[in-house]
Amino acid sequence: MNLIASRTEKSRAITNKPEGVTVCNWKKKMIDLTTETPKTLANAAQSLPGGSVHVSTIHRWRMKGVRGVRLETFLRGGIRYTTDEAIARFFAATTAAADGDATTVRTPRQREREVTVAERECREAGF
């Protein structure tokens, strides 16, 4: 119960930031809604470069990933969205993984440590 409460508090701390301020020092690229245009997963499935795929493929990329890389998405109003830029990052990362370039896979413990460090740095910076 304590772990769930602390994660909830952390997510609240991140989402209650001043308008126009991005979360600082995140290792992973995240969707930036100030510069990227959202599209539903169904629309994304129809507009992929090289042809369309079934929407279940997009959901699989989001849930299970490919070669350790998962598609970035977000939920708004009960509908799941992604962006063309997130898809491009996904394709670049899966291509790099297929070519043998090292990809970093973080354990949940590593992620928690990085979140803690990022939150501390944001607090020290006045956010």
C-alpha atoms as a PDB file:
ATOM      1  CA  MET A   1       0.000   0.000   0.000  1.00  0.00           C
ATOM      2  CA  ASN A   2       2.841   2.370   0.810  1.00  0.00           C
ATOM      3  CA  LEU A   3       4.484   1.757  -2.554  1.00  0.00           C
ATOM      4  CA  ILE A   4       1.250   2.557  -4.406  1.00  0.00           C
ATOM      5  CA  ALA A   5       0.759   5.727  -2.382  1.00  0.00           C
ATOM      6  CA  SER A   6       4.301   6.892  -3.074  1.00  0.00           C
ATOM      7  CA  ARG A   7       3.938   6.258  -6.806  1.00  0.00           C
ATOM      8  CA  THR A   8       0.652   8.176  -6.808  1.00  0.00           C
ATOM      9  CA  GLU A   9       2.298  11.081  -4.994  1.00  0.00           C
ATOM     10  CA  LYS A  10       5.199  11.033  -7.466  1.00  0.00           C
ATOM     11  CA  SER A  11       2.871  11.109 -10.457  1.00  0.00           C
ATOM     12  CA  ARG A  12       0.927  13.980  -8.867  1.00  0.00           C
ATOM     13  CA  ALA A  13       4.158  15.878  -8.277  1.00  0.00           C
ATOM     14  CA  ILE A  14       5.094  15.461 -11.927  1.00  0.00           C
ATOM     15  CA  THR A  15       1.681  16.374 -13.356  1.00  0.00           C
ATOM     16  CA  ASN A  16       1.184  19.416 -11.093  1.00  0.00           C
ATOM     17  CA  LYS A  17       4.032  21.356 -12.654  1.00  0.00           C
ATOM     18  CA  PRO A  18       3.736  24.942 -13.912  1.00  0.00           C
ATOM     19  CA  GLU A  19       2.378  25.332 -17.429  1.00  0.00           C
ATOM     20  CA  GLY A  20       5.045  25.188 -20.132  1.00  0.00           C
ATOM     21  CA  VAL A  21       7.601  23.456 -17.886  1.00  0.00           C
ATOM     22  CA  THR A  22       8.741  20.018 -18.911  1.00  0.00           C
ATOM     23  CA  VAL A  23       9.948  17.345 -16.543  1.00  0.00           C
ATOM     24  CA  CYS A  24      13.691  17.796 -16.316  1.00  0.00           C
ATOM     25  CA  ASN A  25      16.404  15.191 -16.788  1.00  0.00           C
ATOM     26  CA  TRP A  26      14.315  12.257 -17.971  1.00  0.00           C
ATOM     27  CA  LYS A  27      16.504   9.643 -19.670  1.00  0.00           C
ATOM     28  CA  LYS A  28      13.703   8.489 -21.959  1.00  0.00           C
ATOM     29  CA  LYS A  29      12.170  10.653 -24.664  1.00  0.00           C
ATOM     30  CA  MET A  30       8.513  11.212 -23.977  1.00  0.00           C
ATOM     31  CA  ILE A  31       5.691  12.596 -26.083  1.00  0.00           C
ATOM     32  CA  ASP A  32       5.696  16.390 -25.949  1.00  0.00           C
ATOM     33  CA  LEU A  33       2.175  17.643 -26.658  1.00  0.00           C
ATOM     34  CA  THR A  34       3.428  21.198 -27.174  1.00  0.00           C
ATOM     35  CA  THR A  35       5.244  20.150 -30.364  1.00  0.00           C
ATOM     36  CA  GLU A  36       3.700  16.819 -31.398  1.00  0.00           C
ATOM     37  CA  THR A  37       0.213  16.245 -32.789  1.00  0.00           C
ATOM     38  CA  PRO A  38      -1.726  13.387 -31.203  1.00  0.00           C
ATOM     39  CA  LYS A  39      -3.542  10.778 -33.247  1.00  0.00           C
ATOM     40  CA  THR A  40      -5.563   7.790 -32.147  1.00  0.00           C
ATOM     41  CA  LEU A  41      -3.973   4.374 -32.432  1.00  0.00           C
ATOM     42  CA  ALA A  42      -6.503   3.476 -35.145  1.00  0.00           C
ATOM     43  CA  ASN A  43      -5.478   6.528 -37.192  1.00  0.00           C
ATOM     44  CA  ALA A  44      -1.813   5.785 -36.563  1.00  0.00           C
ATOM     45  CA  ALA A  45      -2.286   2.219 -37.842  1.00  0.00           C
ATOM     46  CA  GLN A  46      -3.710   3.565 -41.107  1.00  0.00           C
ATOM     47  CA  SER A  47      -1.053   6.209 -41.706  1.00  0.00           C
ATOM     48  CA  LEU A  48       2.219   4.340 -41.181  1.00  0.00           C
ATOM     49  CA  PRO A  49       4.994   4.781 -43.718  1.00  0.00           C
ATOM     50  CA  GLY A  50       5.066   1.802 -46.047  1.00  0.00           C
ATOM     51  CA  GLY A  51       1.394   0.939 -45.572  1.00  0.00           C
ATOM     52  CA  SER A  52      -1.143   0.308 -42.897  1.00  0.00           C
ATOM     53  CA  VAL A  53      -1.174  -2.348 -40.191  1.00  0.00           C
ATOM     54  CA  HIS A  54      -3.998  -3.657 -38.034  1.00  0.00           C
ATOM     55  CA  VAL A  55      -4.676  -1.594 -34.919  1.00  0.00           C
ATOM     56  CA  SER A  56      -3.901  -4.664 -32.785  1.00  0.00           C
ATOM     57  CA  THR A  57      -0.312  -4.425 -34.055  1.00  0.00           C
ATOM     58  CA  ILE A  58      -0.064  -0.889 -32.671  1.00  0.00           C
ATOM     59  CA  HIS A  59      -1.469  -2.107 -29.339  1.00  0.00           C
ATOM     60  CA  ARG A  60       1.083  -4.938 -29.296  1.00  0.00           C
ATOM     61  CA  TRP A  61       3.922  -2.464 -29.963  1.00  0.00           C
ATOM     62  CA  ARG A  62       2.631  -0.387 -27.044  1.00  0.00           C
ATOM     63  CA  MET A  63       2.150  -3.267 -24.591  1.00  0.00           C
ATOM     64  CA  LYS A  64       4.851  -5.821 -25.414  1.00  0.00           C
ATOM     65  CA  GLY A  65       7.152  -3.854 -27.649  1.00  0.00           C
ATOM     66  CA  VAL A  66       9.628  -5.070 -30.246  1.00  0.00           C
ATOM     67  CA  ARG A  67      13.211  -5.983 -29.319  1.00  0.00           C
ATOM     68  CA  GLY A  68      12.801  -4.360 -25.919  1.00  0.00           C
ATOM     69  CA  VAL A  69      11.380  -1.096 -27.302  1.00  0.00           C
ATOM     70  CA  ARG A  70       7.789  -0.019 -26.634  1.00  0.00           C
ATOM     71  CA  LEU A  71       5.751   2.547 -28.550  1.00  0.00           C
ATOM     72  CA  GLU A  72       5.093   5.731 -26.574  1.00  0.00           C
ATOM     73  CA  THR A  73       1.406   6.436 -26.030  1.00  0.00           C
ATOM     74  CA  PHE A  74      -0.779   8.420 -23.667  1.00  0.00           C
ATOM     75  CA  LEU A  75      -4.355   8.209 -22.482  1.00  0.00           C
ATOM     76  CA  ARG A  76      -6.714  11.160 -22.780  1.00  0.00           C
ATOM     77  CA  GLY A  77     -10.390  10.859 -21.987  1.00  0.00           C
ATOM     78  CA  GLY A  78     -10.316   7.069 -22.146  1.00  0.00           C
ATOM     79  CA  ILE A  79      -8.808   7.036 -25.653  1.00  0.00           C
ATOM     80  CA  ARG A  80      -5.216   5.964 -26.308  1.00  0.00           C
ATOM     81  CA  TYR A  81      -3.096   8.262 -28.517  1.00  0.00           C
ATOM     82  CA  THR A  82       0.385   8.371 -30.037  1.00  0.00           C
ATOM     83  CA  THR A  83       2.151  10.741 -32.449  1.00  0.00           C
ATOM     84  CA  ASP A  84       4.024  10.460 -35.747  1.00  0.00           C
ATOM     85  CA  GLU A  85       7.181  11.526 -33.924  1.00  0.00           C
ATOM     86  CA  ALA A  86       6.740   8.758 -31.327  1.00  0.00           C
ATOM     87  CA  ILE A  87       6.304   6.242 -34.137  1.00  0.00           C
ATOM     88  CA  ALA A  88       9.470   7.541 -35.821  1.00  0.00           C
ATOM     89  CA  ARG A  89      11.381   7.178 -32.529  1.00  0.00           C
ATOM     90  CA  PHE A  90       9.970   3.661 -32.129  1.00  0.00           C
ATOM     91  CA  PHE A  91      11.078   2.656 -35.634  1.00  0.00           C
ATOM     92  CA  ALA A  92      14.541   4.174 -35.110  1.00  0.00           C
ATOM     93  CA  ALA A  93      14.990   2.364 -31.787  1.00  0.00           C
ATOM     94  CA  THR A  94      13.785  -1.006 -33.108  1.00  0.00           C
ATOM     95  CA  THR A  95      16.040  -0.639 -36.145  1.00  0.00           C
ATOM     96  CA  ALA A  96      19.000   0.134 -33.887  1.00  0.00           C
ATOM     97  CA  ALA A  97      18.179  -2.910 -31.759  1.00  0.00           C
ATOM     98  CA  ALA A  98      17.921  -5.124 -34.851  1.00  0.00           C
ATOM     99  CA  ASP A  99      21.265  -3.800 -36.116  1.00  0.00           C
ATOM    100  CA  GLY A 100      22.925  -4.839 -32.870  1.00  0.00           C
ATOM    101  CA  ASP A 101      23.259  -1.412 -31.288  1.00  0.00           C
ATOM    102  CA  ALA A 102      23.011  -1.593 -27.526  1.00  0.00           C
ATOM    103  CA  THR A 103      19.658  -0.675 -26.054  1.00  0.00           C
ATOM    104  CA  THR A 104      19.236   0.113 -22.403  1.00  0.00           C
ATOM    105  CA  VAL A 105      16.605  -1.843 -20.531  1.00  0.00           C
ATOM    106  CA  ARG A 106      15.882  -0.503 -17.075  1.00  0.00           C
ATOM    107  CA  THR A 107      14.633  -2.559 -14.183  1.00  0.00           C
ATOM    108  CA  PRO A 108      11.774  -1.125 -12.109  1.00  0.00           C
ATOM    109  CA  ARG A 109      14.250  -0.402  -9.315  1.00  0.00           C
ATOM    110  CA  GLN A 110      16.518   1.564 -11.710  1.00  0.00           C
ATOM    111  CA  ARG A 111      13.519   3.517 -12.967  1.00  0.00           C
ATOM    112  CA  GLU A 112      12.443   4.384  -9.407  1.00  0.00           C
ATOM    113  CA  ARG A 113      15.957   5.629  -8.622  1.00  0.00           C
ATOM    114  CA  GLU A 114      15.982   7.774 -11.772  1.00  0.00           C
ATOM    115  CA  VAL A 115      12.565   9.196 -10.916  1.00  0.00           C
ATOM    116  CA  THR A 116      13.756  10.040  -7.407  1.00  0.00           C
ATOM    117  CA  VAL A 117      16.883  11.761  -8.756  1.00  0.00           C
ATOM    118  CA  ALA A 118      14.871  13.688 -11.380  1.00  0.00           C
ATOM    119  CA  GLU A 119      12.337  14.832  -8.783  1.00  0.00           C
ATOM    120  CA  ARG A 120      15.110  16.003  -6.456  1.00  0.00           C
ATOM    121  CA  GLU A 121      16.787  17.911  -9.299  1.00  0.00           C
ATOM    122  CA  CYS A 122      13.484  19.519 -10.244  1.00  0.00           C
ATOM    123  CA  ARG A 123      12.861  20.571  -6.629  1.00  0.00           C
ATOM    124  CA  GLU A 124      16.382  22.022  -6.393  1.00  0.00           C
ATOM    125  CA  ALA A 125      15.756  23.920  -9.642  1.00  0.00           C
ATOM    126  CA  GLY A 126      12.569  25.391  -8.156  1.00  0.00           C
ATOM    127  CA  PHE A 127       9.901  23.432 -10.006  1.00  0.00           C
END
